[in-house]
Every structure is written in structure tokens, then in C-alpha cells.
Amino acid sequence: LRSYIVEYHPVLIAVDGGADALLEMRFTPDIIIGDFDSLSERA
């Protein structure tokens, strides 16, 4: 989905550790939602 994200600029909503998944791909989440039990300090 990299090309799709670059062109459409969707709102990036991460569920807990999904924030780190986005950061791994060099995308920054707009919103993080959940119980925050699996976030890195970077996230």
C-alpha cells in the first residue's frame, strides 16, 4: 500500500502496536487508539 498512502494521504490510525508498524515503514500515525500496552518509546 506504500504507493496508495503516498498518493491519497489517508488518515493513519494505529491500534496500539500498529503505531510501530507504521513507523517501521517510515510513516507517522495521525492517531493512536487502544489500551497502550505495546507501544515503544518512539511511538
PDB file of all heavy atoms in Angstrom:
ATOM      1  N   LEU A   1       0.799  -1.219   0.000  1.00  0.00           N
ATOM      2  CA  LEU A   1       0.000   0.000   0.000  1.00  0.00           C
ATOM      3  C   LEU A   1       0.835   1.273   0.000  1.00  0.00           C
ATOM      4  O   LEU A   1       0.279   2.370   0.096  1.00  0.00           O
ATOM      5  CB  LEU A   1      -0.921   0.016   1.229  1.00  0.00           C
ATOM      6  CG  LEU A   1      -2.084  -0.978   1.217  1.00  0.00           C
ATOM      7  CD1 LEU A   1      -2.805  -0.955   2.549  1.00  0.00           C
ATOM      8  CD2 LEU A   1      -3.056  -0.660   0.094  1.00  0.00           C
ATOM      9  N   ARG A   2       2.149   1.150  -0.084  1.00  0.00           N
ATOM     10  CA  ARG A   2       3.000   2.344   0.027  1.00  0.00           C
ATOM     11  C   ARG A   2       2.604   3.416  -0.998  1.00  0.00           C
ATOM     12  O   ARG A   2       2.463   4.596  -0.665  1.00  0.00           O
ATOM     13  CB  ARG A   2       4.470   1.962  -0.145  1.00  0.00           C
ATOM     14  CG  ARG A   2       5.417   3.152  -0.079  1.00  0.00           C
ATOM     15  CD  ARG A   2       6.872   2.722  -0.189  1.00  0.00           C
ATOM     16  NE  ARG A   2       7.313   2.054   1.019  1.00  0.00           N
ATOM     17  CZ  ARG A   2       7.725   2.699   2.104  1.00  0.00           C
ATOM     18  NH1 ARG A   2       7.725   4.024   2.131  1.00  0.00           N
ATOM     19  NH2 ARG A   2       8.130   2.031   3.167  1.00  0.00           N
ATOM     20  N   SER A   3       2.446   3.020  -2.263  1.00  0.00           N
ATOM     21  CA  SER A   3       2.092   3.998  -3.298  1.00  0.00           C
ATOM     22  C   SER A   3       0.726   4.616  -3.036  1.00  0.00           C
ATOM     23  O   SER A   3       0.518   5.817  -3.247  1.00  0.00           O
ATOM     24  CB  SER A   3       2.120   3.337  -4.677  1.00  0.00           C
ATOM     25  OG  SER A   3       3.418   2.886  -4.991  1.00  0.00           O
ATOM     26  N   TYR A   4      -0.206   3.785  -2.570  1.00  0.00           N
ATOM     27  CA  TYR A   4      -1.545   4.287  -2.235  1.00  0.00           C
ATOM     28  C   TYR A   4      -1.462   5.334  -1.127  1.00  0.00           C
ATOM     29  O   TYR A   4      -2.100   6.396  -1.198  1.00  0.00           O
ATOM     30  CB  TYR A   4      -2.429   3.112  -1.804  1.00  0.00           C
ATOM     31  CG  TYR A   4      -3.675   3.510  -1.049  1.00  0.00           C
ATOM     32  CD1 TYR A   4      -4.784   4.018  -1.715  1.00  0.00           C
ATOM     33  CD2 TYR A   4      -3.738   3.373   0.339  1.00  0.00           C
ATOM     34  CE1 TYR A   4      -5.916   4.387  -1.014  1.00  0.00           C
ATOM     35  CE2 TYR A   4      -4.869   3.737   1.035  1.00  0.00           C
ATOM     36  CZ  TYR A   4      -5.959   4.247   0.363  1.00  0.00           C
ATOM     37  OH  TYR A   4      -7.082   4.622   1.064  1.00  0.00           O
ATOM     38  N   ILE A   5      -0.668   5.067  -0.097  1.00  0.00           N
ATOM     39  CA  ILE A   5      -0.539   6.004   1.020  1.00  0.00           C
ATOM     40  C   ILE A   5       0.081   7.315   0.554  1.00  0.00           C
ATOM     41  O   ILE A   5      -0.381   8.401   0.922  1.00  0.00           O
ATOM     42  CB  ILE A   5       0.301   5.380   2.155  1.00  0.00           C
ATOM     43  CG1 ILE A   5      -0.424   4.153   2.737  1.00  0.00           C
ATOM     44  CG2 ILE A   5       0.553   6.390   3.261  1.00  0.00           C
ATOM     45  CD1 ILE A   5       0.428   3.344   3.720  1.00  0.00           C
ATOM     46  N   VAL A   6       1.118   7.218  -0.273  1.00  0.00           N
ATOM     47  CA  VAL A   6       1.807   8.411  -0.745  1.00  0.00           C
ATOM     48  C   VAL A   6       0.876   9.279  -1.588  1.00  0.00           C
ATOM     49  O   VAL A   6       0.877  10.515  -1.482  1.00  0.00           O
ATOM     50  CB  VAL A   6       3.065   8.021  -1.548  1.00  0.00           C
ATOM     51  CG1 VAL A   6       3.661   9.230  -2.261  1.00  0.00           C
ATOM     52  CG2 VAL A   6       4.107   7.401  -0.621  1.00  0.00           C
ATOM     53  N   GLU A   7       0.057   8.663  -2.416  1.00  0.00           N
ATOM     54  CA  GLU A   7      -0.807   9.454  -3.309  1.00  0.00           C
ATOM     55  C   GLU A   7      -2.055   9.974  -2.608  1.00  0.00           C
ATOM     56  O   GLU A   7      -2.428  11.133  -2.764  1.00  0.00           O
ATOM     57  CB  GLU A   7      -1.219   8.627  -4.526  1.00  0.00           C
ATOM     58  CG  GLU A   7      -2.100   9.430  -5.483  1.00  0.00           C
ATOM     59  CD  GLU A   7      -2.386   8.702  -6.782  1.00  0.00           C
ATOM     60  OE1 GLU A   7      -1.839   7.609  -6.986  1.00  0.00           O
ATOM     61  OE2 GLU A   7      -3.162   9.245  -7.595  1.00  0.00           O
ATOM     62  N   TYR A   8      -2.724   9.138  -1.814  1.00  0.00           N
ATOM     63  CA  TYR A   8      -4.010   9.523  -1.240  1.00  0.00           C
ATOM     64  C   TYR A   8      -3.898  10.188   0.137  1.00  0.00           C
ATOM     65  O   TYR A   8      -4.858  10.794   0.598  1.00  0.00           O
ATOM     66  CB  TYR A   8      -4.931   8.300  -1.143  1.00  0.00           C
ATOM     67  CG  TYR A   8      -5.627   7.986  -2.444  1.00  0.00           C
ATOM     68  CD1 TYR A   8      -5.016   7.156  -3.381  1.00  0.00           C
ATOM     69  CD2 TYR A   8      -6.874   8.510  -2.735  1.00  0.00           C
ATOM     70  CE1 TYR A   8      -5.634   6.854  -4.577  1.00  0.00           C
ATOM     71  CE2 TYR A   8      -7.508   8.221  -3.932  1.00  0.00           C
ATOM     72  CZ  TYR A   8      -6.888   7.395  -4.846  1.00  0.00           C
ATOM     73  OH  TYR A   8      -7.513   7.104  -6.027  1.00  0.00           O
ATOM     74  N   HIS A   9      -2.768  10.048   0.785  1.00  0.00           N
ATOM     75  CA  HIS A   9      -2.580  10.628   2.123  1.00  0.00           C
ATOM     76  C   HIS A   9      -3.748  10.306   3.061  1.00  0.00           C
ATOM     77  O   HIS A   9      -4.387  11.212   3.614  1.00  0.00           O
ATOM     78  CB  HIS A   9      -2.409  12.144   2.040  1.00  0.00           C
ATOM     79  CG  HIS A   9      -1.242  12.572   1.201  1.00  0.00           C
ATOM     80  ND1 HIS A   9       0.064  12.408   1.603  1.00  0.00           N
ATOM     81  CD2 HIS A   9      -1.192  13.145  -0.035  1.00  0.00           C
ATOM     82  CE1 HIS A   9       0.871  12.871   0.658  1.00  0.00           C
ATOM     83  NE2 HIS A   9       0.147  13.309  -0.341  1.00  0.00           N
ATOM     84  N   PRO A  10      -4.053   9.018   3.243  1.00  0.00           N
ATOM     85  CA  PRO A  10      -5.155   8.681   4.148  1.00  0.00           C
ATOM     86  C   PRO A  10      -4.786   9.023   5.589  1.00  0.00           C
ATOM     87  O   PRO A  10      -3.606   9.120   5.938  1.00  0.00           O
ATOM     88  CB  PRO A  10      -5.306   7.164   3.968  1.00  0.00           C
ATOM     89  CG  PRO A  10      -3.931   6.706   3.589  1.00  0.00           C
ATOM     90  CD  PRO A  10      -3.367   7.805   2.735  1.00  0.00           C
ATOM     91  N   VAL A  11      -5.812   9.212   6.421  1.00  0.00           N
ATOM     92  CA  VAL A  11      -5.579   9.367   7.851  1.00  0.00           C
ATOM     93  C   VAL A  11      -5.053   8.040   8.380  1.00  0.00           C
ATOM     94  O   VAL A  11      -5.660   6.989   8.162  1.00  0.00           O
ATOM     95  CB  VAL A  11      -6.875   9.757   8.587  1.00  0.00           C
ATOM     96  CG1 VAL A  11      -6.629   9.881  10.086  1.00  0.00           C
ATOM     97  CG2 VAL A  11      -7.441  11.049   8.021  1.00  0.00           C
ATOM     98  N   LEU A  12      -3.925   8.065   9.063  1.00  0.00           N
ATOM     99  CA  LEU A  12      -3.294   6.841   9.554  1.00  0.00           C
ATOM    100  C   LEU A  12      -3.676   6.641  11.024  1.00  0.00           C
ATOM    101  O   LEU A  12      -3.213   7.378  11.899  1.00  0.00           O
ATOM    102  CB  LEU A  12      -1.780   6.917   9.395  1.00  0.00           C
ATOM    103  CG  LEU A  12      -1.273   7.147   7.960  1.00  0.00           C
ATOM    104  CD1 LEU A  12       0.242   7.241   7.930  1.00  0.00           C
ATOM    105  CD2 LEU A  12      -1.760   6.042   7.031  1.00  0.00           C
ATOM    106  N   ILE A  13      -4.538   5.646  11.266  1.00  0.00           N
ATOM    107  CA  ILE A  13      -4.999   5.345  12.618  1.00  0.00           C
ATOM    108  C   ILE A  13      -4.351   4.035  13.051  1.00  0.00           C
ATOM    109  O   ILE A  13      -4.593   2.986  12.450  1.00  0.00           O
ATOM    110  CB  ILE A  13      -6.536   5.228  12.683  1.00  0.00           C
ATOM    111  CG1 ILE A  13      -7.180   6.534  12.191  1.00  0.00           C
ATOM    112  CG2 ILE A  13      -6.984   4.914  14.102  1.00  0.00           C
ATOM    113  CD1 ILE A  13      -8.708   6.485  12.196  1.00  0.00           C
ATOM    114  N   ALA A  14      -3.526   4.094  14.075  1.00  0.00           N
ATOM    115  CA  ALA A  14      -2.824   2.917  14.569  1.00  0.00           C
ATOM    116  C   ALA A  14      -3.518   2.385  15.810  1.00  0.00           C
ATOM    117  O   ALA A  14      -3.907   3.154  16.692  1.00  0.00           O
ATOM    118  CB  ALA A  14      -1.377   3.263  14.887  1.00  0.00           C
ATOM    119  N   VAL A  15      -3.672   1.070  15.864  1.00  0.00           N
ATOM    120  CA  VAL A  15      -4.213   0.412  17.055  1.00  0.00           C
ATOM    121  C   VAL A  15      -3.023  -0.122  17.846  1.00  0.00           C
ATOM    122  O   VAL A  15      -2.362  -1.074  17.436  1.00  0.00           O
ATOM    123  CB  VAL A  15      -5.176  -0.725  16.678  1.00  0.00           C
ATOM    124  CG1 VAL A  15      -5.701  -1.405  17.939  1.00  0.00           C
ATOM    125  CG2 VAL A  15      -6.326  -0.194  15.837  1.00  0.00           C
ATOM    126  N   ASP A  16      -2.727   0.523  18.974  1.00  0.00           N
ATOM    127  CA  ASP A  16      -1.608   0.133  19.844  1.00  0.00           C
ATOM    128  C   ASP A  16      -0.327  -0.084  19.035  1.00  0.00           C
ATOM    129  O   ASP A  16       0.187   0.843  18.427  1.00  0.00           O
ATOM    130  CB  ASP A  16      -1.982  -1.099  20.663  1.00  0.00           C
ATOM    131  CG  ASP A  16      -2.993  -0.772  21.759  1.00  0.00           C
ATOM    132  OD1 ASP A  16      -2.878   0.306  22.354  1.00  0.00           O
ATOM    133  OD2 ASP A  16      -3.897  -1.587  22.005  1.00  0.00           O
ATOM    134  N   GLY A  17       0.192  -1.320  18.994  1.00  0.00           N
ATOM    135  CA  GLY A  17       1.452  -1.600  18.322  1.00  0.00           C
ATOM    136  C   GLY A  17       1.446  -1.316  16.836  1.00  0.00           C
ATOM    137  O   GLY A  17       2.509  -1.314  16.201  1.00  0.00           O
ATOM    138  N   GLY A  18       0.282  -1.048  16.246  1.00  0.00           N
ATOM    139  CA  GLY A  18       0.224  -0.638  14.850  1.00  0.00           C
ATOM    140  C   GLY A  18       0.984   0.649  14.602  1.00  0.00           C
ATOM    141  O   GLY A  18       1.413   0.918  13.480  1.00  0.00           O
ATOM    142  N   ALA A  19       1.168   1.449  15.677  1.00  0.00           N
ATOM    143  CA  ALA A  19       1.961   2.675  15.531  1.00  0.00           C
ATOM    144  C   ALA A  19       3.393   2.347  15.164  1.00  0.00           C
ATOM    145  O   ALA A  19       3.993   2.982  14.283  1.00  0.00           O
ATOM    146  CB  ALA A  19       1.906   3.470  16.840  1.00  0.00           C
ATOM    147  N   ASP A  20       3.963   1.344  15.819  1.00  0.00           N
ATOM    148  CA  ASP A  20       5.329   0.940  15.491  1.00  0.00           C
ATOM    149  C   ASP A  20       5.406   0.308  14.113  1.00  0.00           C
ATOM    150  O   ASP A  20       6.424   0.433  13.425  1.00  0.00           O
ATOM    151  CB  ASP A  20       5.854  -0.027  16.557  1.00  0.00           C
ATOM    152  CG  ASP A  20       6.167   0.679  17.862  1.00  0.00           C
ATOM    153  OD1 ASP A  20       7.075   1.529  17.873  1.00  0.00           O
ATOM    154  OD2 ASP A  20       5.491   0.404  18.866  1.00  0.00           O
ATOM    155  N   ALA A  21       4.334  -0.378  13.707  1.00  0.00           N
ATOM    156  CA  ALA A  21       4.302  -0.952  12.359  1.00  0.00           C
ATOM    157  C   ALA A  21       4.400   0.157  11.313  1.00  0.00           C
ATOM    158  O   ALA A  21       5.130   0.030  10.330  1.00  0.00           O
ATOM    159  CB  ALA A  21       3.013  -1.755  12.170  1.00  0.00           C
ATOM    160  N   LEU A  22       3.691   1.264  11.520  1.00  0.00           N
ATOM    161  CA  LEU A  22       3.757   2.386  10.584  1.00  0.00           C
ATOM    162  C   LEU A  22       5.129   3.053  10.620  1.00  0.00           C
ATOM    163  O   LEU A  22       5.691   3.399   9.579  1.00  0.00           O
ATOM    164  CB  LEU A  22       2.674   3.412  10.924  1.00  0.00           C
ATOM    165  CG  LEU A  22       1.254   3.054  10.482  1.00  0.00           C
ATOM    166  CD1 LEU A  22       0.227   3.958  11.154  1.00  0.00           C
ATOM    167  CD2 LEU A  22       1.119   3.149   8.962  1.00  0.00           C
ATOM    168  N   LEU A  23       5.665   3.235  11.818  1.00  0.00           N
ATOM    169  CA  LEU A  23       6.975   3.862  11.933  1.00  0.00           C
ATOM    170  C   LEU A  23       8.060   3.031  11.265  1.00  0.00           C
ATOM    171  O   LEU A  23       9.010   3.577  10.684  1.00  0.00           O
ATOM    172  CB  LEU A  23       7.306   4.096  13.411  1.00  0.00           C
ATOM    173  CG  LEU A  23       6.451   5.159  14.113  1.00  0.00           C
ATOM    174  CD1 LEU A  23       6.675   5.116  15.617  1.00  0.00           C
ATOM    175  CD2 LEU A  23       6.756   6.555  13.562  1.00  0.00           C
ATOM    176  N   GLU A  24       7.942   1.706  11.332  1.00  0.00           N
ATOM    177  CA  GLU A  24       8.892   0.830  10.641  1.00  0.00           C
ATOM    178  C   GLU A  24       8.914   1.112   9.146  1.00  0.00           C
ATOM    179  O   GLU A  24       9.945   0.995   8.495  1.00  0.00           O
ATOM    180  CB  GLU A  24       8.519  -0.638  10.857  1.00  0.00           C
ATOM    181  CG  GLU A  24       8.820  -1.186  12.238  1.00  0.00           C
ATOM    182  CD  GLU A  24       8.281  -2.595  12.395  1.00  0.00           C
ATOM    183  OE1 GLU A  24       7.929  -3.226  11.368  1.00  0.00           O
ATOM    184  OE2 GLU A  24       8.214  -3.079  13.538  1.00  0.00           O
ATOM    185  N   MET A  25       7.746   1.485   8.602  1.00  0.00           N
ATOM    186  CA  MET A  25       7.627   1.758   7.169  1.00  0.00           C
ATOM    187  C   MET A  25       7.834   3.236   6.848  1.00  0.00           C
ATOM    188  O   MET A  25       7.555   3.687   5.752  1.00  0.00           O
ATOM    189  CB  MET A  25       6.241   1.309   6.677  1.00  0.00           C
ATOM    190  CG  MET A  25       5.929  -0.149   6.911  1.00  0.00           C
ATOM    191  SD  MET A  25       7.051  -1.268   6.060  1.00  0.00           S
ATOM    192  CE  MET A  25       6.663  -0.923   4.348  1.00  0.00           C
ATOM    193  N   ARG A  26       8.305   4.000   7.842  1.00  0.00           N
ATOM    194  CA  ARG A  26       8.596   5.425   7.697  1.00  0.00           C
ATOM    195  C   ARG A  26       7.351   6.263   7.458  1.00  0.00           C
ATOM    196  O   ARG A  26       7.385   7.278   6.753  1.00  0.00           O
ATOM    197  CB  ARG A  26       9.640   5.659   6.592  1.00  0.00           C
ATOM    198  CG  ARG A  26      10.963   4.965   6.879  1.00  0.00           C
ATOM    199  CD  ARG A  26      12.001   5.267   5.827  1.00  0.00           C
ATOM    200  NE  ARG A  26      13.259   4.592   6.114  1.00  0.00           N
ATOM    201  CZ  ARG A  26      14.342   4.655   5.356  1.00  0.00           C
ATOM    202  NH1 ARG A  26      14.328   5.370   4.237  1.00  0.00           N
ATOM    203  NH2 ARG A  26      15.449   4.007   5.702  1.00  0.00           N
ATOM    204  N   PHE A  27       6.248   5.842   8.048  1.00  0.00           N
ATOM    205  CA  PHE A  27       5.036   6.644   8.082  1.00  0.00           C
ATOM    206  C   PHE A  27       4.734   6.989   9.538  1.00  0.00           C
ATOM    207  O   PHE A  27       4.955   6.170  10.438  1.00  0.00           O
ATOM    208  CB  PHE A  27       3.843   5.896   7.481  1.00  0.00           C
ATOM    209  CG  PHE A  27       3.977   5.619   6.005  1.00  0.00           C
ATOM    210  CD1 PHE A  27       4.122   4.322   5.540  1.00  0.00           C
ATOM    211  CD2 PHE A  27       3.955   6.652   5.082  1.00  0.00           C
ATOM    212  CE1 PHE A  27       4.249   4.053   4.187  1.00  0.00           C
ATOM    213  CE2 PHE A  27       4.086   6.406   3.724  1.00  0.00           C
ATOM    214  CZ  PHE A  27       4.225   5.105   3.269  1.00  0.00           C
ATOM    215  N   THR A  28       4.212   8.172   9.781  1.00  0.00           N
ATOM    216  CA  THR A  28       3.885   8.597  11.138  1.00  0.00           C
ATOM    217  C   THR A  28       2.382   8.541  11.347  1.00  0.00           C
ATOM    218  O   THR A  28       1.627   9.155  10.578  1.00  0.00           O
ATOM    219  CB  THR A  28       4.378  10.031  11.397  1.00  0.00           C
ATOM    220  OG1 THR A  28       5.783  10.089  11.183  1.00  0.00           O
ATOM    221  CG2 THR A  28       4.079  10.452  12.828  1.00  0.00           C
ATOM    222  N   PRO A  29       1.910   7.811  12.350  1.00  0.00           N
ATOM    223  CA  PRO A  29       0.460   7.746  12.584  1.00  0.00           C
ATOM    224  C   PRO A  29      -0.098   9.104  12.982  1.00  0.00           C
ATOM    225  O   PRO A  29       0.562   9.886  13.671  1.00  0.00           O
ATOM    226  CB  PRO A  29       0.344   6.730  13.729  1.00  0.00           C
ATOM    227  CG  PRO A  29       1.676   6.740  14.403  1.00  0.00           C
ATOM    228  CD  PRO A  29       2.682   7.023  13.331  1.00  0.00           C
ATOM    229  N   ASP A  30      -1.320   9.370  12.526  1.00  0.00           N
ATOM    230  CA  ASP A  30      -2.019  10.587  12.945  1.00  0.00           C
ATOM    231  C   ASP A  30      -2.701  10.376  14.288  1.00  0.00           C
ATOM    232  O   ASP A  30      -2.764  11.295  15.109  1.00  0.00           O
ATOM    233  CB  ASP A  30      -3.073  10.969  11.888  1.00  0.00           C
ATOM    234  CG  ASP A  30      -2.444  11.276  10.541  1.00  0.00           C
ATOM    235  OD1 ASP A  30      -1.653  12.234  10.466  1.00  0.00           O
ATOM    236  OD2 ASP A  30      -2.744  10.556   9.571  1.00  0.00           O
ATOM    237  N   ILE A  31      -3.227   9.164  14.486  1.00  0.00           N
ATOM    238  CA  ILE A  31      -3.979   8.844  15.692  1.00  0.00           C
ATOM    239  C   ILE A  31      -3.541   7.469  16.190  1.00  0.00           C
ATOM    240  O   ILE A  31      -3.358   6.552  15.380  1.00  0.00           O
ATOM    241  CB  ILE A  31      -5.503   8.827  15.415  1.00  0.00           C
ATOM    242  CG1 ILE A  31      -5.982  10.217  14.991  1.00  0.00           C
ATOM    243  CG2 ILE A  31      -6.284   8.334  16.634  1.00  0.00           C
ATOM    244  CD1 ILE A  31      -7.418  10.223  14.456  1.00  0.00           C
ATOM    245  N   ILE A  32      -3.355   7.324  17.492  1.00  0.00           N
ATOM    246  CA  ILE A  32      -3.123   6.014  18.108  1.00  0.00           C
ATOM    247  C   ILE A  32      -4.262   5.771  19.084  1.00  0.00           C
ATOM    248  O   ILE A  32      -4.556   6.622  19.934  1.00  0.00           O
ATOM    249  CB  ILE A  32      -1.780   5.953  18.858  1.00  0.00           C
ATOM    250  CG1 ILE A  32      -0.621   6.311  17.919  1.00  0.00           C
ATOM    251  CG2 ILE A  32      -1.561   4.555  19.444  1.00  0.00           C
ATOM    252  CD1 ILE A  32       0.724   6.405  18.621  1.00  0.00           C
ATOM    253  N   ILE A  33      -4.904   4.612  18.963  1.00  0.00           N
ATOM    254  CA  ILE A  33      -6.039   4.279  19.818  1.00  0.00           C
ATOM    255  C   ILE A  33      -5.829   2.888  20.403  1.00  0.00           C
ATOM    256  O   ILE A  33      -5.251   2.021  19.765  1.00  0.00           O
ATOM    257  CB  ILE A  33      -7.368   4.354  19.027  1.00  0.00           C
ATOM    258  CG1 ILE A  33      -8.574   4.139  19.953  1.00  0.00           C
ATOM    259  CG2 ILE A  33      -7.383   3.362  17.869  1.00  0.00           C
ATOM    260  CD1 ILE A  33      -9.913   4.427  19.280  1.00  0.00           C
ATOM    261  N   GLY A  34      -6.302   2.675  21.628  1.00  0.00           N
ATOM    262  CA  GLY A  34      -6.197   1.357  22.248  1.00  0.00           C
ATOM    263  C   GLY A  34      -5.985   1.456  23.737  1.00  0.00           C
ATOM    264  O   GLY A  34      -6.375   2.444  24.377  1.00  0.00           O
ATOM    265  N   ASP A  35      -5.312   0.421  24.289  1.00  0.00           N
ATOM    266  CA  ASP A  35      -5.016   0.430  25.723  1.00  0.00           C
ATOM    267  C   ASP A  35      -3.534   0.681  25.993  1.00  0.00           C
ATOM    268  O   ASP A  35      -3.101   0.627  27.133  1.00  0.00           O
ATOM    269  CB  ASP A  35      -5.471  -0.864  26.383  1.00  0.00           C
ATOM    270  CG  ASP A  35      -4.855  -2.096  25.735  1.00  0.00           C
ATOM    271  OD1 ASP A  35      -3.868  -1.951  24.980  1.00  0.00           O
ATOM    272  OD2 ASP A  35      -5.352  -3.209  25.984  1.00  0.00           O
ATOM    273  N   PHE A  36      -2.769   0.937  24.939  1.00  0.00           N
ATOM    274  CA  PHE A  36      -1.391   1.423  25.040  1.00  0.00           C
ATOM    275  C   PHE A  36      -0.487   0.486  25.845  1.00  0.00           C
ATOM    276  O   PHE A  36       0.367   0.921  26.600  1.00  0.00           O
ATOM    277  CB  PHE A  36      -1.376   2.842  25.638  1.00  0.00           C
ATOM    278  CG  PHE A  36      -2.095   3.837  24.776  1.00  0.00           C
ATOM    279  CD1 PHE A  36      -3.451   4.050  24.913  1.00  0.00           C
ATOM    280  CD2 PHE A  36      -1.407   4.534  23.792  1.00  0.00           C
ATOM    281  CE1 PHE A  36      -4.129   4.941  24.094  1.00  0.00           C
ATOM    282  CE2 PHE A  36      -2.074   5.433  22.966  1.00  0.00           C
ATOM    283  CZ  PHE A  36      -3.439   5.635  23.121  1.00  0.00           C
ATOM    284  N   ASP A  37      -0.673  -0.802  25.623  1.00  0.00           N
ATOM    285  CA  ASP A  37       0.145  -1.784  26.347  1.00  0.00           C
ATOM    286  C   ASP A  37       1.321  -2.295  25.541  1.00  0.00           C
ATOM    287  O   ASP A  37       2.073  -3.135  26.022  1.00  0.00           O
ATOM    288  CB  ASP A  37      -0.720  -2.960  26.797  1.00  0.00           C
ATOM    289  CG  ASP A  37      -1.260  -3.771  25.625  1.00  0.00           C
ATOM    290  OD1 ASP A  37      -1.270  -3.242  24.493  1.00  0.00           O
ATOM    291  OD2 ASP A  37      -1.683  -4.913  25.840  1.00  0.00           O
ATOM    292  N   SER A  38       1.485  -1.831  24.305  1.00  0.00           N
ATOM    293  CA  SER A  38       2.554  -2.396  23.475  1.00  0.00           C
ATOM    294  C   SER A  38       3.241  -1.347  22.613  1.00  0.00           C
ATOM    295  O   SER A  38       3.720  -1.647  21.524  1.00  0.00           O
ATOM    296  CB  SER A  38       1.990  -3.513  22.584  1.00  0.00           C
ATOM    297  OG  SER A  38       0.909  -3.043  21.808  1.00  0.00           O
ATOM    298  N   LEU A  39       3.313  -0.104  23.079  1.00  0.00           N
ATOM    299  CA  LEU A  39       3.958   0.958  22.326  1.00  0.00           C
ATOM    300  C   LEU A  39       5.426   1.099  22.724  1.00  0.00           C
ATOM    301  O   LEU A  39       5.769   0.996  23.899  1.00  0.00           O
ATOM    302  CB  LEU A  39       3.259   2.301  22.573  1.00  0.00           C
ATOM    303  CG  LEU A  39       2.238   2.763  21.533  1.00  0.00           C
ATOM    304  CD1 LEU A  39       1.061   1.800  21.507  1.00  0.00           C
ATOM    305  CD2 LEU A  39       1.772   4.179  21.834  1.00  0.00           C
ATOM    306  N   SER A  40       6.256   1.348  21.735  1.00  0.00           N
ATOM    307  CA  SER A  40       7.653   1.670  22.014  1.00  0.00           C
ATOM    308  C   SER A  40       7.740   3.141  22.417  1.00  0.00           C
ATOM    309  O   SER A  40       6.806   3.927  22.197  1.00  0.00           O
ATOM    310  CB  SER A  40       8.510   1.419  20.775  1.00  0.00           C
ATOM    311  OG  SER A  40       8.193   2.363  19.753  1.00  0.00           O
ATOM    312  N   GLU A  41       8.876   3.527  22.976  1.00  0.00           N
ATOM    313  CA  GLU A  41       9.069   4.935  23.338  1.00  0.00           C
ATOM    314  C   GLU A  41       9.042   5.823  22.101  1.00  0.00           C
ATOM    315  O   GLU A  41       8.591   6.967  22.157  1.00  0.00           O
ATOM    316  CB  GLU A  41      10.391   5.104  24.089  1.00  0.00           C
ATOM    317  CG  GLU A  41      10.350   4.554  25.501  1.00  0.00           C
ATOM    318  CD  GLU A  41       9.245   5.193  26.347  1.00  0.00           C
ATOM    319  OE1 GLU A  41       9.040   6.431  26.249  1.00  0.00           O
ATOM    320  OE2 GLU A  41       8.574   4.457  27.095  1.00  0.00           O
ATOM    321  N   ARG A  42       9.509   5.275  20.986  1.00  0.00           N
ATOM    322  CA  ARG A  42       9.460   6.035  19.732  1.00  0.00           C
ATOM    323  C   ARG A  42       8.024   6.352  19.340  1.00  0.00           C
ATOM    324  O   ARG A  42       7.722   7.458  18.896  1.00  0.00           O
ATOM    325  CB  ARG A  42      10.159   5.236  18.634  1.00  0.00           C
ATOM    326  CG  ARG A  42      10.227   5.948  17.293  1.00  0.00           C
ATOM    327  CD  ARG A  42      10.801   5.026  16.230  1.00  0.00           C
ATOM    328  NE  ARG A  42      10.834   5.644  14.925  1.00  0.00           N
ATOM    329  CZ  ARG A  42      10.970   4.977  13.787  1.00  0.00           C
ATOM    330  NH1 ARG A  42      11.095   3.656  13.812  1.00  0.00           N
ATOM    331  NH2 ARG A  42      10.990   5.613  12.626  1.00  0.00           N
ATOM    332  N   ALA A  43       7.130   5.370  19.518  1.00  0.00           N
ATOM    333  CA  ALA A  43       5.728   5.589  19.179  1.00  0.00           C
ATOM    334  C   ALA A  43       5.076   6.584  20.139  1.00  0.00           C
ATOM    335  O   ALA A  43       4.269   7.426  19.726  1.00  0.00           O
ATOM    336  CB  ALA A  43       4.973   4.264  19.198  1.00  0.00           C
TER     337      ALA A  43
END
